[in-house]
Amino acid sequence: MKVKPRVVFDTNIFISSIIFGGNPRQCLELARENEIELYISRAILLELSEKLEEKFLWQSKDTKEVIEGILMFASLVSPKKKINHIKENPKDNMILECAVEAKADFLISGDKKHLLALKTFKNIKIISAKQFLDIFFQAD
């Protein structure tokens, strides 16, 4: 049995998987099927709730159901270290904080400008959903 990769999703991966599907949804399904270890923080959950309600006009009860669903298969971490690495978009630092606290192997993001541009952070590979799926299924 291969070791399950430890993974953190950027908020945009959750949103893309819920709203649009495609590669982000495949990544979420891997977490749901316990093929990968998914980690999340309260800050990411809060941002996800805010985006679903403000940008996509979801009702709070629907958002709450999604959050509860994610928490059924994702492990909640509480980052202890503040990171201030991304100056142009400081909110992205919460994603790095979660990944560092989770000792993630991968941070999966769709943010080309800030997170994906880093490529790695403290030995955490920062890649797109497609790149992750290519690596994951190649390892089989």
N, C-alpha and C. Protein backbone atom coordinates (compact mmCIF):
# COMPACT_ATOMS: atom_id res chain seq x y z
N MET A 1 0.84 -1.19 0.00
CA MET A 1 0.00 0.00 0.00
C MET A 1 0.88 1.25 0.00
N LYS A 2 0.58 2.17 -0.89
CA LYS A 2 1.37 3.39 -0.94
C LYS A 2 0.94 4.35 0.17
N VAL A 3 1.88 5.20 0.54
CA VAL A 3 1.60 6.21 1.56
C VAL A 3 0.68 7.27 0.97
N LYS A 4 -0.35 7.62 1.71
CA LYS A 4 -1.29 8.64 1.23
C LYS A 4 -0.65 10.02 1.33
N PRO A 5 -0.70 10.78 0.24
CA PRO A 5 -0.15 12.13 0.31
C PRO A 5 -0.98 13.03 1.22
N ARG A 6 -0.27 13.91 1.92
CA ARG A 6 -0.89 14.91 2.79
C ARG A 6 -1.10 16.16 1.94
N VAL A 7 -2.35 16.63 1.87
CA VAL A 7 -2.71 17.66 0.91
C VAL A 7 -3.53 18.78 1.56
N VAL A 8 -3.28 20.00 1.10
CA VAL A 8 -4.11 21.16 1.46
C VAL A 8 -4.62 21.76 0.16
N PHE A 9 -5.90 22.08 0.12
CA PHE A 9 -6.50 22.75 -1.04
C PHE A 9 -6.61 24.24 -0.76
N ASP A 10 -6.24 25.05 -1.73
CA ASP A 10 -6.55 26.47 -1.69
C ASP A 10 -8.08 26.59 -1.77
N THR A 11 -8.61 27.68 -1.25
CA THR A 11 -10.06 27.89 -1.28
C THR A 11 -10.62 27.78 -2.70
N ASN A 12 -9.86 28.26 -3.70
CA ASN A 12 -10.36 28.23 -5.07
C ASN A 12 -10.54 26.81 -5.60
N ILE A 13 -9.81 25.85 -5.04
CA ILE A 13 -9.98 24.45 -5.45
C ILE A 13 -11.32 23.92 -4.92
N PHE A 14 -11.64 24.26 -3.68
CA PHE A 14 -12.95 23.86 -3.14
C PHE A 14 -14.07 24.46 -3.97
N ILE A 15 -13.96 25.75 -4.25
CA ILE A 15 -15.02 26.43 -5.01
C ILE A 15 -15.15 25.83 -6.41
N SER A 16 -14.03 25.65 -7.08
CA SER A 16 -14.07 25.06 -8.43
C SER A 16 -14.67 23.67 -8.41
N SER A 17 -14.32 22.88 -7.40
CA SER A 17 -14.85 21.51 -7.33
C SER A 17 -16.35 21.50 -7.11
N ILE A 18 -16.84 22.44 -6.31
CA ILE A 18 -18.26 22.51 -5.99
C ILE A 18 -19.07 23.11 -7.14
N ILE A 19 -18.57 24.18 -7.72
CA ILE A 19 -19.32 24.93 -8.73
C ILE A 19 -19.09 24.40 -10.15
N PHE A 20 -17.85 24.09 -10.48
CA PHE A 20 -17.52 23.77 -11.88
C PHE A 20 -17.16 22.31 -12.15
N GLY A 21 -16.64 21.60 -11.17
CA GLY A 21 -16.26 20.20 -11.39
C GLY A 21 -14.84 20.06 -11.91
N GLY A 22 -14.66 19.17 -12.89
CA GLY A 22 -13.36 18.98 -13.52
C GLY A 22 -12.29 18.41 -12.59
N ASN A 23 -11.05 18.81 -12.84
CA ASN A 23 -9.92 18.30 -12.06
C ASN A 23 -10.03 18.61 -10.56
N PRO A 24 -10.46 19.83 -10.18
CA PRO A 24 -10.63 20.08 -8.75
C PRO A 24 -11.63 19.11 -8.09
N ARG A 25 -12.71 18.78 -8.80
CA ARG A 25 -13.68 17.84 -8.22
C ARG A 25 -13.05 16.45 -8.08
N GLN A 26 -12.24 16.06 -9.05
CA GLN A 26 -11.55 14.76 -8.95
C GLN A 26 -10.65 14.73 -7.72
N CYS A 27 -9.97 15.83 -7.45
CA CYS A 27 -9.11 15.92 -6.26
C CYS A 27 -9.95 15.79 -5.00
N LEU A 28 -11.08 16.48 -4.96
CA LEU A 28 -11.97 16.40 -3.80
C LEU A 28 -12.49 14.98 -3.61
N GLU A 29 -12.80 14.31 -4.71
CA GLU A 29 -13.27 12.92 -4.63
C GLU A 29 -12.20 12.00 -4.05
N LEU A 30 -10.94 12.25 -4.40
CA LEU A 30 -9.85 11.44 -3.83
C LEU A 30 -9.82 11.59 -2.31
N ALA A 31 -10.06 12.80 -1.83
CA ALA A 31 -10.11 13.03 -0.39
C ALA A 31 -11.31 12.34 0.22
N ARG A 32 -12.45 12.46 -0.43
CA ARG A 32 -13.68 11.85 0.07
C ARG A 32 -13.55 10.33 0.13
N GLU A 33 -12.83 9.76 -0.83
CA GLU A 33 -12.63 8.30 -0.89
C GLU A 33 -11.44 7.84 -0.05
N ASN A 34 -10.86 8.76 0.73
CA ASN A 34 -9.75 8.46 1.63
C ASN A 34 -8.49 7.97 0.89
N GLU A 35 -8.31 8.45 -0.33
CA GLU A 35 -7.11 8.12 -1.11
C GLU A 35 -5.98 9.10 -0.79
N ILE A 36 -6.34 10.28 -0.31
CA ILE A 36 -5.38 11.29 0.12
C ILE A 36 -5.81 11.80 1.49
N GLU A 37 -4.85 12.37 2.24
CA GLU A 37 -5.16 12.98 3.53
C GLU A 37 -5.33 14.48 3.30
N LEU A 38 -6.55 14.96 3.46
CA LEU A 38 -6.85 16.37 3.23
C LEU A 38 -6.88 17.12 4.56
N TYR A 39 -6.23 18.28 4.59
CA TYR A 39 -6.19 19.12 5.78
C TYR A 39 -6.78 20.49 5.46
N ILE A 40 -7.42 21.08 6.46
CA ILE A 40 -8.07 22.37 6.26
C ILE A 40 -8.00 23.14 7.58
N SER A 41 -8.08 24.46 7.50
CA SER A 41 -8.10 25.30 8.70
C SER A 41 -9.42 26.06 8.78
N ARG A 42 -9.69 26.60 9.96
CA ARG A 42 -10.91 27.40 10.14
C ARG A 42 -10.90 28.62 9.20
N ALA A 43 -9.72 29.20 8.98
CA ALA A 43 -9.61 30.37 8.11
C ALA A 43 -10.03 30.02 6.68
N ILE A 44 -9.62 28.85 6.20
CA ILE A 44 -10.01 28.42 4.85
C ILE A 44 -11.51 28.16 4.80
N LEU A 45 -12.04 27.51 5.83
CA LEU A 45 -13.49 27.25 5.88
C LEU A 45 -14.28 28.56 5.87
N LEU A 46 -13.80 29.54 6.63
CA LEU A 46 -14.48 30.84 6.68
C LEU A 46 -14.44 31.52 5.32
N GLU A 47 -13.28 31.50 4.66
CA GLU A 47 -13.19 32.12 3.34
C GLU A 47 -14.09 31.39 2.34
N LEU A 48 -14.14 30.07 2.42
CA LEU A 48 -15.01 29.29 1.54
C LEU A 48 -16.47 29.70 1.75
N SER A 49 -16.90 29.79 2.99
CA SER A 49 -18.28 30.20 3.31
C SER A 49 -18.57 31.58 2.74
N GLU A 50 -17.66 32.52 2.99
CA GLU A 50 -17.85 33.89 2.51
C GLU A 50 -17.97 33.95 1.00
N LYS A 51 -17.09 33.25 0.30
CA LYS A 51 -17.11 33.28 -1.17
C LYS A 51 -18.38 32.65 -1.73
N LEU A 52 -18.80 31.51 -1.17
CA LEU A 52 -20.02 30.87 -1.66
C LEU A 52 -21.23 31.77 -1.45
N GLU A 53 -21.28 32.45 -0.31
CA GLU A 53 -22.43 33.30 -0.01
C GLU A 53 -22.39 34.64 -0.74
N GLU A 54 -21.21 35.26 -0.83
CA GLU A 54 -21.12 36.58 -1.44
C GLU A 54 -21.02 36.52 -2.96
N LYS A 55 -20.16 35.65 -3.47
CA LYS A 55 -19.93 35.61 -4.92
C LYS A 55 -20.96 34.76 -5.66
N PHE A 56 -21.37 33.65 -5.02
CA PHE A 56 -22.30 32.73 -5.69
C PHE A 56 -23.70 32.76 -5.11
N LEU A 57 -23.92 33.66 -4.14
CA LEU A 57 -25.24 33.92 -3.54
C LEU A 57 -25.89 32.68 -2.93
N TRP A 58 -25.07 31.84 -2.31
CA TRP A 58 -25.60 30.67 -1.61
C TRP A 58 -26.25 31.11 -0.31
N GLN A 59 -27.23 30.33 0.13
CA GLN A 59 -27.85 30.52 1.44
C GLN A 59 -26.90 29.96 2.50
N SER A 60 -26.90 30.55 3.68
CA SER A 60 -25.98 30.10 4.73
C SER A 60 -26.23 28.64 5.13
N LYS A 61 -27.47 28.17 5.07
CA LYS A 61 -27.74 26.77 5.42
C LYS A 61 -27.08 25.82 4.41
N ASP A 62 -27.05 26.21 3.14
CA ASP A 62 -26.40 25.38 2.12
C ASP A 62 -24.89 25.37 2.30
N THR A 63 -24.35 26.54 2.62
CA THR A 63 -22.91 26.65 2.88
C THR A 63 -22.54 25.79 4.08
N LYS A 64 -23.37 25.84 5.11
CA LYS A 64 -23.11 25.06 6.33
C LYS A 64 -23.08 23.57 6.01
N GLU A 65 -23.97 23.11 5.16
CA GLU A 65 -23.99 21.70 4.75
C GLU A 65 -22.70 21.30 4.04
N VAL A 66 -22.22 22.17 3.16
CA VAL A 66 -20.97 21.90 2.44
C VAL A 66 -19.81 21.80 3.42
N ILE A 67 -19.73 22.75 4.35
CA ILE A 67 -18.66 22.77 5.35
C ILE A 67 -18.71 21.49 6.19
N GLU A 68 -19.89 21.13 6.66
CA GLU A 68 -20.04 19.90 7.45
C GLU A 68 -19.63 18.68 6.64
N GLY A 69 -19.98 18.67 5.36
CA GLY A 69 -19.59 17.57 4.48
C GLY A 69 -18.08 17.46 4.35
N ILE A 70 -17.41 18.59 4.15
CA ILE A 70 -15.95 18.60 4.03
C ILE A 70 -15.31 18.09 5.31
N LEU A 71 -15.83 18.52 6.45
CA LEU A 71 -15.25 18.12 7.73
C LEU A 71 -15.43 16.63 8.03
N MET A 72 -16.27 15.96 7.26
CA MET A 72 -16.43 14.51 7.45
C MET A 72 -15.21 13.75 6.93
N PHE A 73 -14.45 14.36 6.01
CA PHE A 73 -13.29 13.64 5.47
C PHE A 73 -11.99 14.46 5.50
N ALA A 74 -12.05 15.71 5.92
CA ALA A 74 -10.84 16.53 6.03
C ALA A 74 -10.48 16.71 7.50
N SER A 75 -9.20 16.77 7.79
CA SER A 75 -8.74 16.99 9.16
C SER A 75 -8.52 18.48 9.38
N LEU A 76 -9.08 18.97 10.47
CA LEU A 76 -8.97 20.39 10.81
C LEU A 76 -7.67 20.63 11.56
N VAL A 77 -6.88 21.59 11.09
CA VAL A 77 -5.65 21.97 11.79
C VAL A 77 -5.75 23.42 12.23
N SER A 78 -5.04 23.75 13.30
CA SER A 78 -5.00 25.12 13.80
C SER A 78 -3.56 25.62 13.68
N PRO A 79 -3.27 26.37 12.63
CA PRO A 79 -1.90 26.85 12.44
C PRO A 79 -1.40 27.66 13.63
N LYS A 80 -0.18 27.36 14.06
CA LYS A 80 0.41 28.04 15.21
C LYS A 80 1.35 29.16 14.77
N LYS A 81 1.88 29.05 13.55
CA LYS A 81 2.82 30.06 13.06
C LYS A 81 2.16 30.97 12.03
N LYS A 82 2.34 32.27 12.22
CA LYS A 82 1.88 33.25 11.23
C LYS A 82 2.93 33.33 10.14
N ILE A 83 2.48 33.33 8.91
CA ILE A 83 3.38 33.45 7.76
C ILE A 83 3.01 34.72 7.02
N ASN A 84 4.03 35.48 6.64
CA ASN A 84 3.81 36.72 5.90
C ASN A 84 4.69 36.72 4.65
N HIS A 85 4.58 35.66 3.88
CA HIS A 85 5.44 35.46 2.71
C HIS A 85 4.88 36.14 1.46
N ILE A 86 3.56 36.11 1.29
CA ILE A 86 2.93 36.69 0.10
C ILE A 86 2.42 38.08 0.45
N LYS A 87 3.16 39.07 0.00
CA LYS A 87 2.83 40.47 0.34
C LYS A 87 1.70 41.03 -0.51
N GLU A 88 1.65 40.63 -1.80
CA GLU A 88 0.66 41.20 -2.73
C GLU A 88 -0.77 40.78 -2.39
N ASN A 89 -0.93 39.61 -1.80
CA ASN A 89 -2.26 39.12 -1.42
C ASN A 89 -2.13 38.39 -0.09
N PRO A 90 -2.07 39.15 1.02
CA PRO A 90 -1.80 38.56 2.33
C PRO A 90 -2.74 37.43 2.74
N LYS A 91 -3.98 37.40 2.20
CA LYS A 91 -4.92 36.33 2.55
C LYS A 91 -4.39 34.95 2.13
N ASP A 92 -3.55 34.92 1.09
CA ASP A 92 -2.99 33.64 0.64
C ASP A 92 -2.07 33.02 1.69
N ASN A 93 -1.56 33.84 2.60
CA ASN A 93 -0.67 33.31 3.63
C ASN A 93 -1.37 32.29 4.53
N MET A 94 -2.69 32.43 4.71
CA MET A 94 -3.42 31.47 5.55
C MET A 94 -3.38 30.07 4.94
N ILE A 95 -3.30 29.99 3.61
CA ILE A 95 -3.21 28.70 2.94
C ILE A 95 -1.85 28.08 3.23
N LEU A 96 -0.80 28.91 3.16
CA LEU A 96 0.55 28.43 3.49
C LEU A 96 0.63 28.00 4.95
N GLU A 97 0.01 28.77 5.84
CA GLU A 97 0.00 28.43 7.27
C GLU A 97 -0.61 27.06 7.50
N CYS A 98 -1.72 26.80 6.85
CA CYS A 98 -2.40 25.51 6.97
C CYS A 98 -1.50 24.39 6.44
N ALA A 99 -0.89 24.61 5.28
CA ALA A 99 -0.04 23.58 4.67
C ALA A 99 1.17 23.27 5.55
N VAL A 100 1.77 24.30 6.13
CA VAL A 100 2.93 24.10 7.01
C VAL A 100 2.51 23.33 8.26
N GLU A 101 1.41 23.75 8.88
CA GLU A 101 0.92 23.08 10.10
C GLU A 101 0.58 21.62 9.82
N ALA A 102 0.02 21.34 8.66
CA ALA A 102 -0.39 19.98 8.30
C ALA A 102 0.79 19.12 7.84
N LYS A 103 1.96 19.76 7.69
CA LYS A 103 3.12 19.06 7.12
C LYS A 103 2.74 18.44 5.77
N ALA A 104 2.07 19.26 4.97
CA ALA A 104 1.55 18.80 3.68
C ALA A 104 2.68 18.47 2.71
N ASP A 105 2.39 17.48 1.88
CA ASP A 105 3.28 17.17 0.76
C ASP A 105 2.96 18.09 -0.41
N PHE A 106 1.66 18.40 -0.56
CA PHE A 106 1.18 19.20 -1.69
C PHE A 106 0.19 20.26 -1.23
N LEU A 107 0.30 21.42 -1.84
CA LEU A 107 -0.71 22.46 -1.72
C LEU A 107 -1.27 22.60 -3.14
N ILE A 108 -2.55 22.34 -3.29
CA ILE A 108 -3.18 22.38 -4.62
C ILE A 108 -3.93 23.70 -4.77
N SER A 109 -3.62 24.42 -5.83
CA SER A 109 -4.18 25.76 -6.01
C SER A 109 -4.44 26.05 -7.48
N GLY A 110 -5.30 27.01 -7.71
CA GLY A 110 -5.53 27.53 -9.05
C GLY A 110 -5.03 28.96 -9.16
N ASP A 111 -4.36 29.45 -8.12
CA ASP A 111 -3.88 30.83 -8.04
C ASP A 111 -2.51 30.94 -8.71
N LYS A 112 -2.53 31.23 -10.02
CA LYS A 112 -1.28 31.29 -10.80
C LYS A 112 -0.40 32.46 -10.38
N LYS A 113 -1.02 33.55 -10.00
CA LYS A 113 -0.27 34.78 -9.72
C LYS A 113 0.53 34.71 -8.42
N HIS A 114 -0.04 34.10 -7.38
CA HIS A 114 0.63 34.13 -6.08
C HIS A 114 1.14 32.76 -5.63
N LEU A 115 0.24 31.81 -5.45
CA LEU A 115 0.66 30.52 -4.89
C LEU A 115 1.39 29.63 -5.90
N LEU A 116 0.80 29.39 -7.06
CA LEU A 116 1.45 28.52 -8.04
C LEU A 116 2.80 29.07 -8.48
N ALA A 117 2.94 30.38 -8.48
CA ALA A 117 4.21 31.01 -8.87
C ALA A 117 5.34 30.64 -7.91
N LEU A 118 5.00 30.31 -6.66
CA LEU A 118 6.02 29.92 -5.69
C LEU A 118 6.64 28.56 -6.02
N LYS A 119 5.86 27.66 -6.56
CA LYS A 119 6.25 26.28 -6.89
C LYS A 119 6.50 25.41 -5.65
N THR A 120 7.24 25.91 -4.68
CA THR A 120 7.42 25.19 -3.41
C THR A 120 7.48 26.21 -2.27
N PHE A 121 7.17 25.72 -1.09
CA PHE A 121 7.31 26.52 0.12
C PHE A 121 7.59 25.56 1.26
N LYS A 122 8.76 25.68 1.87
CA LYS A 122 9.17 24.79 2.98
C LYS A 122 8.95 23.32 2.62
N ASN A 123 9.45 22.92 1.49
CA ASN A 123 9.37 21.53 0.98
C ASN A 123 7.96 21.07 0.61
N ILE A 124 7.02 21.98 0.55
CA ILE A 124 5.65 21.66 0.12
C ILE A 124 5.55 22.01 -1.36
N LYS A 125 5.18 21.05 -2.18
CA LYS A 125 5.03 21.31 -3.61
C LYS A 125 3.70 22.03 -3.84
N ILE A 126 3.74 23.14 -4.55
CA ILE A 126 2.54 23.92 -4.85
C ILE A 126 2.22 23.72 -6.32
N ILE A 127 1.12 23.02 -6.58
CA ILE A 127 0.79 22.62 -7.95
C ILE A 127 -0.70 22.77 -8.22
N SER A 128 -1.04 22.67 -9.51
CA SER A 128 -2.45 22.75 -9.92
C SER A 128 -3.14 21.40 -9.68
N ALA A 129 -4.45 21.41 -9.77
CA ALA A 129 -5.22 20.16 -9.62
C ALA A 129 -4.81 19.15 -10.69
N LYS A 130 -4.62 19.60 -11.91
CA LYS A 130 -4.23 18.69 -12.99
C LYS A 130 -2.85 18.09 -12.73
N GLN A 131 -1.91 18.92 -12.31
CA GLN A 131 -0.57 18.41 -12.00
C GLN A 131 -0.64 17.37 -10.89
N PHE A 132 -1.46 17.64 -9.87
CA PHE A 132 -1.57 16.68 -8.77
C PHE A 132 -2.14 15.35 -9.26
N LEU A 133 -3.19 15.42 -10.06
CA LEU A 133 -3.80 14.18 -10.57
C LEU A 133 -2.80 13.40 -11.42
N ASP A 134 -2.02 14.09 -12.24
CA ASP A 134 -0.99 13.42 -13.05
C ASP A 134 0.01 12.69 -12.15
N ILE A 135 0.47 13.36 -11.11
CA ILE A 135 1.44 12.75 -10.17
C ILE A 135 0.79 11.59 -9.43
N PHE A 136 -0.42 11.81 -8.93
CA PHE A 136 -1.11 10.79 -8.12
C PHE A 136 -1.33 9.51 -8.92
N PHE A 137 -1.85 9.65 -10.12
CA PHE A 137 -2.17 8.45 -10.90
C PHE A 137 -0.94 7.82 -11.54
N GLN A 138 0.13 8.58 -11.69
CA GLN A 138 1.39 8.03 -12.19
C GLN A 138 2.04 7.15 -11.12
N ALA A 139 1.80 7.48 -9.85
CA ALA A 139 2.41 6.75 -8.74
C ALA A 139 1.78 5.38 -8.52
N ASP A 140 0.64 5.11 -9.14
CA ASP A 140 -0.05 3.81 -8.95
C ASP A 140 0.74 2.65 -9.48
